[in-house]
Amino acid sequence: MAVQAGRLGGRSGLRSAASAVALPRIGPAVQPRPRTETAPSIARRRTRTAVRAGRRANRVGLLLGAIAIIFVLGFFSLAQTVQVSTTAVDIDRLTNEQAALQGQRQQVISDLNRLGGASAIRKEGIDLGLDQLGAPLIVPAR
């Protein structure tokens, strides 16, 4: 039983309750001063709690946020540049197509002016085997 009490009951090095000495209670050694006047308060510094506690703000989040914003702005700039380039290519393509159509129009107008004259029509008829009409033939009535 003594072994169990030593193992469970107490710790070695501490006195048991029977050997404790009771000391008389004495009042506080220093009497508090009665407050007569309030002293002027000193202006407190207005600082953040983290600074007063000696902790610093985590700069990793701020750095990641800045990187994300820079990435978004760069992506937006790239998208705008690509859109401007595509628009410029479309404008160039349409300008070239317009120039080609203008050239075809001029060719057709030139062909119509050349082929629409009397001499061109006469030449086409001769080439097809047609000949000029002779004197008119009058057939008597019966």
Protein backbone atom coordinates (compact mmCIF):
# COMPACT_ATOMS: atom_id res chain seq x y z
CA MET A 1 0.00 0.00 0.00
CA ALA A 2 2.85 2.32 0.73
CA VAL A 3 4.23 1.71 -2.73
CA GLN A 4 0.89 2.47 -4.29
CA ALA A 5 0.46 5.65 -2.27
CA GLY A 6 3.91 6.77 -3.28
CA ARG A 7 3.23 5.95 -6.89
CA LEU A 8 -0.26 7.47 -7.05
CA GLY A 9 -0.48 9.93 -4.21
CA GLY A 10 2.33 12.36 -4.32
CA ARG A 11 5.41 13.42 -6.05
CA SER A 12 8.83 13.07 -4.61
CA GLY A 13 10.27 16.39 -3.53
CA LEU A 14 6.98 17.92 -2.37
CA ARG A 15 6.02 18.08 1.26
CA SER A 16 2.96 16.30 2.36
CA ALA A 17 -0.02 18.20 3.78
CA ALA A 18 0.79 17.10 7.33
CA SER A 19 4.19 18.76 7.38
CA ALA A 20 2.98 22.15 6.02
CA VAL A 21 3.27 25.12 8.31
CA ALA A 22 0.43 27.63 8.43
CA LEU A 23 1.60 31.27 8.29
CA PRO A 24 -0.45 34.11 9.74
CA ARG A 25 -2.22 36.35 7.19
CA ILE A 26 -0.88 39.85 7.06
CA GLY A 27 -2.44 42.77 5.20
CA PRO A 28 -0.84 44.24 2.06
CA ALA A 29 2.65 45.60 2.61
CA VAL A 30 1.94 48.77 0.59
CA GLN A 31 -1.21 50.71 1.27
CA PRO A 32 -2.85 52.12 -1.89
CA ARG A 33 -2.89 55.89 -2.14
CA PRO A 34 -6.25 57.51 -2.18
CA ARG A 35 -6.99 59.14 -5.52
CA THR A 36 -7.40 62.83 -5.16
CA GLU A 37 -6.81 64.13 -8.63
CA THR A 38 -6.61 62.43 -11.96
CA ALA A 39 -3.32 62.91 -13.69
CA PRO A 40 -3.42 64.14 -17.25
CA SER A 41 -3.40 61.19 -19.59
CA ILE A 42 -0.59 60.81 -22.06
CA ALA A 43 -1.62 60.68 -25.67
CA ARG A 44 -1.48 57.12 -26.89
CA ARG A 45 0.06 56.22 -30.18
CA ARG A 46 -2.42 55.04 -32.73
CA THR A 47 -0.80 51.96 -34.17
CA ARG A 48 -2.17 48.74 -35.45
CA THR A 49 -2.54 45.88 -33.05
CA ALA A 50 -0.16 43.70 -35.04
CA VAL A 51 2.58 46.31 -34.80
CA ARG A 52 2.07 46.85 -31.08
CA ALA A 53 2.16 43.11 -30.52
CA GLY A 54 5.43 42.84 -32.44
CA ARG A 55 3.94 40.82 -35.29
CA ARG A 56 4.40 41.74 -38.90
CA ALA A 57 1.79 41.46 -41.61
CA ASN A 58 2.18 38.52 -43.94
CA ARG A 59 3.60 39.94 -47.16
CA VAL A 60 3.14 36.72 -49.16
CA GLY A 61 -0.56 37.42 -49.71
CA LEU A 62 0.19 40.97 -50.81
CA LEU A 63 2.87 39.72 -53.20
CA LEU A 64 0.56 37.06 -54.66
CA GLY A 65 -2.19 39.65 -55.11
CA ALA A 66 0.19 42.00 -56.92
CA ILE A 67 1.36 39.18 -59.20
CA ALA A 68 -2.24 38.24 -59.98
CA ILE A 69 -3.15 41.85 -60.83
CA ILE A 70 -0.09 42.20 -63.08
CA PHE A 71 -0.99 38.93 -64.81
CA VAL A 72 -4.57 40.06 -65.43
CA LEU A 73 -3.41 43.42 -66.80
CA GLY A 74 -0.85 41.71 -69.05
CA PHE A 75 -3.45 39.26 -70.31
CA PHE A 76 -5.86 42.12 -71.04
CA SER A 77 -3.13 43.99 -72.91
CA LEU A 78 -2.27 40.88 -74.93
CA ALA A 79 -5.92 40.32 -75.81
CA GLN A 80 -6.27 43.93 -76.99
CA THR A 81 -3.09 43.67 -79.08
CA VAL A 82 -4.30 40.47 -80.74
CA GLN A 83 -7.68 42.03 -81.46
CA VAL A 84 -6.05 45.12 -83.03
CA SER A 85 -3.77 42.90 -85.14
CA THR A 86 -6.69 40.81 -86.34
CA THR A 87 -8.64 43.92 -87.23
CA ALA A 88 -5.64 45.29 -89.16
CA VAL A 89 -5.31 42.01 -91.10
CA ASP A 90 -9.04 42.08 -91.92
CA ILE A 91 -8.77 45.68 -93.14
CA ASP A 92 -5.79 44.77 -95.36
CA ARG A 93 -7.63 41.76 -96.80
CA LEU A 94 -10.74 43.81 -97.55
CA THR A 95 -8.66 46.59 -99.14
CA ASN A 96 -6.93 44.06 -101.43
CA GLU A 97 -10.29 42.50 -102.34
CA GLN A 98 -11.71 45.93 -103.14
CA ALA A 99 -8.72 46.73 -105.38
CA ALA A 100 -9.18 43.40 -107.24
CA LEU A 101 -12.89 44.11 -107.76
CA GLN A 102 -12.12 47.61 -109.04
CA GLY A 103 -9.67 46.09 -111.53
CA GLN A 104 -12.31 43.61 -112.77
CA ARG A 105 -14.83 46.46 -113.11
CA GLN A 106 -12.43 48.50 -115.22
CA GLN A 107 -11.75 45.44 -117.44
CA VAL A 108 -15.47 44.85 -118.01
CA ILE A 109 -16.08 48.54 -118.82
CA SER A 110 -13.16 48.51 -121.26
CA ASP A 111 -14.46 45.33 -122.95
CA LEU A 112 -17.97 46.80 -123.27
CA ASN A 113 -16.64 50.01 -124.79
CA ARG A 114 -14.44 48.08 -127.24
CA LEU A 115 -17.04 45.48 -128.22
CA GLY A 116 -20.03 47.80 -128.28
CA GLY A 117 -18.89 49.85 -131.31
CA ALA A 118 -20.21 49.28 -134.90
CA SER A 119 -16.89 48.12 -136.30
CA ALA A 120 -16.55 45.43 -133.62
CA ILE A 121 -20.05 44.16 -134.30
CA ARG A 122 -19.40 44.03 -138.07
CA LYS A 123 -16.13 42.13 -137.50
CA GLU A 124 -17.85 39.60 -135.24
CA GLY A 125 -20.52 39.00 -137.89
CA ILE A 126 -17.95 38.48 -140.67
CA ASP A 127 -16.01 36.08 -138.41
CA LEU A 128 -19.21 34.05 -137.92
CA GLY A 129 -19.78 33.78 -141.71
CA LEU A 130 -22.29 36.55 -142.15
CA ASP A 131 -21.99 38.89 -145.09
CA GLN A 132 -23.31 42.33 -145.82
CA LEU A 133 -26.72 42.50 -147.33
CA GLY A 134 -26.88 43.32 -151.00
CA ALA A 135 -29.49 45.38 -152.76
CA PRO A 136 -32.98 44.70 -151.54
CA LEU A 137 -34.89 42.04 -153.43
CA ILE A 138 -38.42 42.99 -154.33
CA VAL A 139 -40.86 40.17 -154.93
CA PRO A 140 -43.87 41.03 -157.08
CA ALA A 141 -47.26 40.34 -155.66
CA ARG A 142 -49.51 37.83 -157.44
